[in-house]
Structures are given as C-alpha cells and as structure tokens.
C-alpha cells in the first residue's frame, strides 16, 4: 500500500513539474510573440523582412535563455 501511494505521489509530482515546465515555455513564447509584434509595429514602413524578424526572434530567445541560466 505504501509503495503504491509513493508511486502515485511521484507520478503526480512529475506531472505537476511537466505542467509547470510547459506553462513556462508557453509564457516565453507569448513574450517572444509580443516582442515581435512590437518590433513589427515599429517597422510598419515595410522595411521588415521575414529573415530580420527571425533573426530578432532568435536573438531574443537566446537572451531569454541566458537570463534564465
């Protein structure tokens, strides 16, 4: 009985950790999206290319990862 309870508790804990990790990843994606939308609004003049936005997204993701480390 004790083993079953420990197994269930461990399983619930790992599920909770996975849910928290997914929530953090989703939040990072939302932040990146907001950042890109802001940059796009600043460049409405039409000089933004997909490659430039992708480069900025990669730089922002790297900056975010470094801040979390």
PDB file of N, CA and C in Angstrom:
ATOM      1  N   UNK A   1       0.826  -1.194   0.000  1.00  0.00           N
ATOM      2  CA  UNK A   1       0.000   0.000   0.000  1.00  0.00           C
ATOM      3  C   UNK A   1       0.868   1.254   0.000  1.00  0.00           C
ATOM      4  N   UNK A   2       1.889   1.270   0.855  1.00  0.00           N
ATOM      5  CA  UNK A   2       2.779   2.429   0.930  1.00  0.00           C
ATOM      6  C   UNK A   2       3.499   2.642  -0.390  1.00  0.00           C
ATOM      7  N   UNK A   3       3.938   1.551  -1.017  1.00  0.00           N
ATOM      8  CA  UNK A   3       4.637   1.654  -2.297  1.00  0.00           C
ATOM      9  C   UNK A   3       3.723   2.245  -3.362  1.00  0.00           C
ATOM     10  N   UNK A   4       2.477   1.831  -3.370  1.00  0.00           N
ATOM     11  CA  UNK A   4       1.512   2.350  -4.338  1.00  0.00           C
ATOM     12  C   UNK A   4       1.298   3.839  -4.122  1.00  0.00           C
ATOM     13  N   UNK A   5       1.164   4.255  -2.871  1.00  0.00           N
ATOM     14  CA  UNK A   5       0.970   5.677  -2.579  1.00  0.00           C
ATOM     15  C   UNK A   5       2.185   6.493  -2.988  1.00  0.00           C
ATOM     16  N   UNK A   6       3.380   5.994  -2.703  1.00  0.00           N
ATOM     17  CA  UNK A   6       4.598   6.708  -3.104  1.00  0.00           C
ATOM     18  C   UNK A   6       4.700   6.799  -4.616  1.00  0.00           C
ATOM     19  N   UNK A   7       4.319   5.729  -5.292  1.00  0.00           N
ATOM     20  CA  UNK A   7       4.352   5.724  -6.752  1.00  0.00           C
ATOM     21  C   UNK A   7       3.372   6.748  -7.314  1.00  0.00           C
ATOM     22  N   UNK A   8       2.175   6.792  -6.764  1.00  0.00           N
ATOM     23  CA  UNK A   8       1.178   7.761  -7.224  1.00  0.00           C
ATOM     24  C   UNK A   8       1.621   9.185  -6.928  1.00  0.00           C
ATOM     25  N   UNK A   9       2.193   9.408  -5.749  1.00  0.00           N
ATOM     26  CA  UNK A   9       2.659  10.740  -5.375  1.00  0.00           C
ATOM     27  C   UNK A   9       3.776  11.188  -6.300  1.00  0.00           C
ATOM     28  N   UNK A  10       4.715  10.293  -6.584  1.00  0.00           N
ATOM     29  CA  UNK A  10       5.812  10.617  -7.501  1.00  0.00           C
ATOM     30  C   UNK A  10       5.306  10.918  -8.894  1.00  0.00           C
ATOM     31  N   UNK A  11       4.306  10.152  -9.332  1.00  0.00           N
ATOM     32  CA  UNK A  11       3.725  10.381 -10.652  1.00  0.00           C
ATOM     33  C   UNK A  11       3.024  11.720 -10.732  1.00  0.00           C
ATOM     34  N   UNK A  12       2.293  12.059  -9.677  1.00  0.00           N
ATOM     35  CA  UNK A  12       1.605  13.353  -9.648  1.00  0.00           C
ATOM     36  C   UNK A  12       2.607  14.495  -9.620  1.00  0.00           C
ATOM     37  N   UNK A  13       3.694  14.304  -8.867  1.00  0.00           N
ATOM     38  CA  UNK A  13       4.713  15.344  -8.769  1.00  0.00           C
ATOM     39  C   UNK A  13       5.369  15.576 -10.132  1.00  0.00           C
ATOM     40  N   UNK A  14       5.683  14.477 -10.842  1.00  0.00           N
ATOM     41  CA  UNK A  14       6.318  14.646 -12.149  1.00  0.00           C
ATOM     42  C   UNK A  14       5.343  15.269 -13.149  1.00  0.00           C
ATOM     43  N   UNK A  15       4.066  14.925 -13.043  1.00  0.00           N
ATOM     44  CA  UNK A  15       3.072  15.547 -13.920  1.00  0.00           C
ATOM     45  C   UNK A  15       2.958  17.034 -13.624  1.00  0.00           C
ATOM     46  N   UNK A  16       3.012  17.393 -12.349  1.00  0.00           N
ATOM     47  CA  UNK A  16       2.939  18.804 -11.970  1.00  0.00           C
ATOM     48  C   UNK A  16       4.168  19.545 -12.484  1.00  0.00           C
ATOM     49  N   UNK A  17       5.341  18.931 -12.361  1.00  0.00           N
ATOM     50  CA  UNK A  17       6.565  19.559 -12.852  1.00  0.00           C
ATOM     51  C   UNK A  17       6.499  19.747 -14.360  1.00  0.00           C
ATOM     52  N   UNK A  18       5.979  18.746 -15.065  1.00  0.00           N
ATOM     53  CA  UNK A  18       5.845  18.853 -16.516  1.00  0.00           C
ATOM     54  C   UNK A  18       4.862  19.968 -16.876  1.00  0.00           C
ATOM     55  N   UNK A  19       3.765  20.063 -16.149  1.00  0.00           N
ATOM     56  CA  UNK A  19       2.785  21.120 -16.410  1.00  0.00           C
ATOM     57  C   UNK A  19       3.393  22.496 -16.157  1.00  0.00           C
ATOM     58  N   UNK A  20       4.186  22.617 -15.090  1.00  0.00           N
ATOM     59  CA  UNK A  20       4.841  23.896 -14.795  1.00  0.00           C
ATOM     60  C   UNK A  20       5.857  24.250 -15.876  1.00  0.00           C
ATOM     61  N   UNK A  21       6.604  23.251 -16.351  1.00  0.00           N
ATOM     62  CA  UNK A  21       7.584  23.481 -17.413  1.00  0.00           C
ATOM     63  C   UNK A  21       6.889  23.943 -18.696  1.00  0.00           C
ATOM     64  N   UNK A  22       5.772  23.285 -19.024  1.00  0.00           N
ATOM     65  CA  UNK A  22       5.025  23.672 -20.221  1.00  0.00           C
ATOM     66  C   UNK A  22       4.458  25.076 -20.070  1.00  0.00           C
ATOM     67  N   UNK A  23       4.004  25.423 -18.874  1.00  0.00           N
ATOM     68  CA  UNK A  23       3.467  26.766 -18.634  1.00  0.00           C
ATOM     69  C   UNK A  23       4.561  27.815 -18.816  1.00  0.00           C
ATOM     70  N   UNK A  24       5.784  27.518 -18.327  1.00  0.00           N
ATOM     71  CA  UNK A  24       6.900  28.453 -18.511  1.00  0.00           C
ATOM     72  C   UNK A  24       7.243  28.614 -19.989  1.00  0.00           C
ATOM     73  N   UNK A  25       7.276  27.486 -20.725  1.00  0.00           N
ATOM     74  CA  UNK A  25       7.573  27.547 -22.154  1.00  0.00           C
ATOM     75  C   UNK A  25       6.516  28.358 -22.897  1.00  0.00           C
ATOM     76  N   UNK A  26       5.262  28.177 -22.528  1.00  0.00           N
ATOM     77  CA  UNK A  26       4.178  28.939 -23.152  1.00  0.00           C
ATOM     78  C   UNK A  26       4.330  30.424 -22.863  1.00  0.00           C
ATOM     79  N   UNK A  27       4.697  30.760 -21.629  1.00  0.00           N
ATOM     80  CA  UNK A  27       4.890  32.163 -21.262  1.00  0.00           C
ATOM     81  C   UNK A  27       6.033  32.771 -22.068  1.00  0.00           C
ATOM     82  N   UNK A  28       7.117  32.030 -22.241  1.00  0.00           N
ATOM     83  CA  UNK A  28       8.246  32.525 -23.036  1.00  0.00           C
ATOM     84  C   UNK A  28       7.800  32.763 -24.474  1.00  0.00           C
ATOM     85  N   UNK A  29       7.017  31.835 -25.023  1.00  0.00           N
ATOM     86  CA  UNK A  29       6.529  32.008 -26.392  1.00  0.00           C
ATOM     87  C   UNK A  29       5.641  33.243 -26.502  1.00  0.00           C
ATOM     88  N   UNK A  30       4.799  33.473 -25.502  1.00  0.00           N
ATOM     89  CA  UNK A  30       3.935  34.656 -25.520  1.00  0.00           C
ATOM     90  C   UNK A  30       4.764  35.932 -25.444  1.00  0.00           C
ATOM     91  N   UNK A  31       5.814  35.917 -24.626  1.00  0.00           N
ATOM     92  CA  UNK A  31       6.692  37.087 -24.514  1.00  0.00           C
ATOM     93  C   UNK A  31       7.396  37.339 -25.838  1.00  0.00           C
ATOM     94  N   UNK A  32       7.901  36.272 -26.457  1.00  0.00           N
ATOM     95  CA  UNK A  32       8.574  36.418 -27.749  1.00  0.00           C
ATOM     96  C   UNK A  32       7.613  36.958 -28.802  1.00  0.00           C
ATOM     97  N   UNK A  33       6.380  36.453 -28.805  1.00  0.00           N
ATOM     98  CA  UNK A  33       5.385  36.920 -29.771  1.00  0.00           C
ATOM     99  C   UNK A  33       5.081  38.396 -29.562  1.00  0.00           C
ATOM    100  N   UNK A  34       4.925  38.794 -28.315  1.00  0.00           N
ATOM    101  CA  UNK A  34       4.664  40.207 -28.020  1.00  0.00           C
ATOM    102  C   UNK A  34       5.835  41.073 -28.467  1.00  0.00           C
ATOM    103  N   UNK A  35       7.043  40.589 -28.238  1.00  0.00           N
ATOM    104  CA  UNK A  35       8.238  41.328 -28.652  1.00  0.00           C
ATOM    105  C   UNK A  35       8.258  41.502 -30.175  1.00  0.00           C
ATOM    106  N   UNK A  36       7.979  40.425 -30.897  1.00  0.00           N
ATOM    107  CA  UNK A  36       7.987  40.504 -32.359  1.00  0.00           C
ATOM    108  C   UNK A  36       6.875  41.416 -32.877  1.00  0.00           C
ATOM    109  N   UNK A  37       5.717  41.366 -32.253  1.00  0.00           N
ATOM    110  CA  UNK A  37       4.626  42.258 -32.667  1.00  0.00           C
ATOM    111  C   UNK A  37       5.012  43.714 -32.451  1.00  0.00           C
ATOM    112  N   UNK A  38       5.662  43.987 -31.330  1.00  0.00           N
ATOM    113  CA  UNK A  38       6.110  45.351 -31.044  1.00  0.00           C
ATOM    114  C   UNK A  38       7.114  45.807 -32.095  1.00  0.00           C
ATOM    115  N   UNK A  39       8.077  44.938 -32.401  1.00  0.00           N
ATOM    116  CA  UNK A  39       9.090  45.288 -33.406  1.00  0.00           C
ATOM    117  C   UNK A  39       8.432  45.510 -34.771  1.00  0.00           C
ATOM    118  N   UNK A  40       7.462  44.690 -35.097  1.00  0.00           N
ATOM    119  CA  UNK A  40       6.777  44.825 -36.381  1.00  0.00           C
ATOM    120  C   UNK A  40       6.013  46.141 -36.446  1.00  0.00           C
ATOM    121  N   UNK A  41       5.342  46.508 -35.344  1.00  0.00           N
ATOM    122  CA  UNK A  41       4.621  47.781 -35.314  1.00  0.00           C
ATOM    123  C   UNK A  41       5.572  48.954 -35.489  1.00  0.00           C
ATOM    124  N   UNK A  42       6.771  48.848 -34.914  1.00  0.00           N
ATOM    125  CA  UNK A  42       7.755  49.924 -35.048  1.00  0.00           C
ATOM    126  C   UNK A  42       8.256  50.064 -36.484  1.00  0.00           C
ATOM    127  N   UNK A  43       8.159  48.980 -37.234  1.00  0.00           N
ATOM    128  CA  UNK A  43       8.686  48.982 -38.603  1.00  0.00           C
ATOM    129  C   UNK A  43       7.586  48.926 -39.650  1.00  0.00           C
ATOM    130  N   UNK A  44       6.457  49.452 -39.351  1.00  0.00           N
ATOM    131  CA  UNK A  44       5.320  49.361 -40.265  1.00  0.00           C
ATOM    132  C   UNK A  44       5.640  49.953 -41.631  1.00  0.00           C
ATOM    133  N   UNK A  45       6.694  50.703 -41.736  1.00  0.00           N
ATOM    134  CA  UNK A  45       7.077  51.293 -43.009  1.00  0.00           C
ATOM    135  C   UNK A  45       7.358  50.276 -44.097  1.00  0.00           C
ATOM    136  N   UNK A  46       7.393  49.001 -43.771  1.00  0.00           N
ATOM    137  CA  UNK A  46       7.559  47.977 -44.787  1.00  0.00           C
ATOM    138  C   UNK A  46       8.986  47.518 -44.978  1.00  0.00           C
ATOM    139  N   UNK A  47       9.903  47.946 -44.123  1.00  0.00           N
ATOM    140  CA  UNK A  47      11.294  47.562 -44.313  1.00  0.00           C
ATOM    141  C   UNK A  47      11.671  46.292 -43.558  1.00  0.00           C
ATOM    142  N   UNK A  48      10.706  45.647 -42.925  1.00  0.00           N
ATOM    143  CA  UNK A  48      10.976  44.425 -42.175  1.00  0.00           C
ATOM    144  C   UNK A  48      10.827  43.215 -43.083  1.00  0.00           C
ATOM    145  N   UNK A  49      11.835  42.375 -43.082  1.00  0.00           N
ATOM    146  CA  UNK A  49      11.745  41.131 -43.845  1.00  0.00           C
ATOM    147  C   UNK A  49      11.554  39.979 -42.871  1.00  0.00           C
ATOM    148  N   UNK A  50      11.110  38.867 -43.391  1.00  0.00           N
ATOM    149  CA  UNK A  50      10.928  37.680 -42.548  1.00  0.00           C
ATOM    150  C   UNK A  50      12.255  37.256 -41.933  1.00  0.00           C
ATOM    151  N   UNK A  51      13.340  37.379 -42.693  1.00  0.00           N
ATOM    152  CA  UNK A  51      14.660  36.999 -42.180  1.00  0.00           C
ATOM    153  C   UNK A  51      15.068  37.883 -41.010  1.00  0.00           C
ATOM    154  N   UNK A  52      14.772  39.178 -41.097  1.00  0.00           N
ATOM    155  CA  UNK A  52      15.101  40.093 -39.999  1.00  0.00           C
ATOM    156  C   UNK A  52      14.302  39.745 -38.744  1.00  0.00           C
ATOM    157  N   UNK A  53      13.017  39.467 -38.923  1.00  0.00           N
ATOM    158  CA  UNK A  53      12.188  39.107 -37.776  1.00  0.00           C
ATOM    159  C   UNK A  53      12.653  37.793 -37.157  1.00  0.00           C
ATOM    160  N   UNK A  54      13.041  36.839 -38.000  1.00  0.00           N
ATOM    161  CA  UNK A  54      13.533  35.563 -37.487  1.00  0.00           C
ATOM    162  C   UNK A  54      14.834  35.750 -36.720  1.00  0.00           C
ATOM    163  N   UNK A  55      15.727  36.592 -37.242  1.00  0.00           N
ATOM    164  CA  UNK A  55      16.990  36.864 -36.550  1.00  0.00           C
ATOM    165  C   UNK A  55      16.734  37.523 -35.200  1.00  0.00           C
ATOM    166  N   UNK A  56      15.792  38.451 -35.160  1.00  0.00           N
ATOM    167  CA  UNK A  56      15.459  39.102 -33.894  1.00  0.00           C
ATOM    168  C   UNK A  56      14.831  38.107 -32.921  1.00  0.00           C
ATOM    169  N   UNK A  57      14.005  37.206 -33.431  1.00  0.00           N
ATOM    170  CA  UNK A  57      13.379  36.197 -32.568  1.00  0.00           C
ATOM    171  C   UNK A  57      14.439  35.287 -31.968  1.00  0.00           C
ATOM    172  N   UNK A  58      15.411  34.881 -32.787  1.00  0.00           N
ATOM    173  CA  UNK A  58      16.489  34.026 -32.290  1.00  0.00           C
ATOM    174  C   UNK A  58      17.322  34.758 -31.247  1.00  0.00           C
ATOM    175  N   UNK A  59      17.620  36.021 -31.497  1.00  0.00           N
ATOM    176  CA  UNK A  59      18.403  36.807 -30.542  1.00  0.00           C
ATOM    177  C   UNK A  59      17.640  36.969 -29.231  1.00  0.00           C
ATOM    178  N   UNK A  60      16.348  37.211 -29.328  1.00  0.00           N
ATOM    179  CA  UNK A  60      15.533  37.377 -28.126  1.00  0.00           C
ATOM    180  C   UNK A  60      15.445  36.067 -27.349  1.00  0.00           C
ATOM    181  N   UNK A  61      15.289  34.949 -28.064  1.00  0.00           N
ATOM    182  CA  UNK A  61      15.226  33.643 -27.403  1.00  0.00           C
ATOM    183  C   UNK A  61      16.538  33.341 -26.692  1.00  0.00           C
ATOM    184  N   UNK A  62      17.656  33.670 -27.331  1.00  0.00           N
ATOM    185  CA  UNK A  62      18.963  33.460 -26.712  1.00  0.00           C
ATOM    186  C   UNK A  62      19.111  34.331 -25.472  1.00  0.00           C
ATOM    187  N   UNK A  63      18.685  35.570 -25.589  1.00  0.00           N
ATOM    188  CA  UNK A  63      18.757  36.498 -24.460  1.00  0.00           C
ATOM    189  C   UNK A  63      17.902  35.986 -23.291  1.00  0.00           C
ATOM    190  N   UNK A  64      16.739  35.475 -23.595  1.00  0.00           N
ATOM    191  CA  UNK A  64      15.851  34.927 -22.571  1.00  0.00           C
ATOM    192  C   UNK A  64      16.475  33.699 -21.913  1.00  0.00           C
ATOM    193  N   UNK A  65      17.057  32.822 -22.727  1.00  0.00           N
ATOM    194  CA  UNK A  65      17.688  31.615 -22.190  1.00  0.00           C
ATOM    195  C   UNK A  65      18.864  31.967 -21.284  1.00  0.00           C
ATOM    196  N   UNK A  66      19.637  32.961 -21.686  1.00  0.00           N
ATOM    197  CA  UNK A  66      20.774  33.378 -20.860  1.00  0.00           C
ATOM    198  C   UNK A  66      20.306  33.977 -19.537  1.00  0.00           C
ATOM    199  N   UNK A  67      19.209  34.704 -19.579  1.00  0.00           N
ATOM    200  CA  UNK A  67      18.677  35.306 -18.356  1.00  0.00           C
ATOM    201  C   UNK A  67      18.180  34.237 -17.386  1.00  0.00           C
ATOM    202  N   UNK A  68      17.650  33.138 -17.925  1.00  0.00           N
ATOM    203  CA  UNK A  68      17.139  32.057 -17.085  1.00  0.00           C
ATOM    204  C   UNK A  68      18.254  31.199 -16.510  1.00  0.00           C
ATOM    205  N   UNK A  69      19.413  31.191 -17.169  1.00  0.00           N
ATOM    206  CA  UNK A  69      20.519  30.313 -16.731  1.00  0.00           C
ATOM    207  C   UNK A  69      21.169  30.798 -15.468  1.00  0.00           C
TER     208      UNK A  69
END
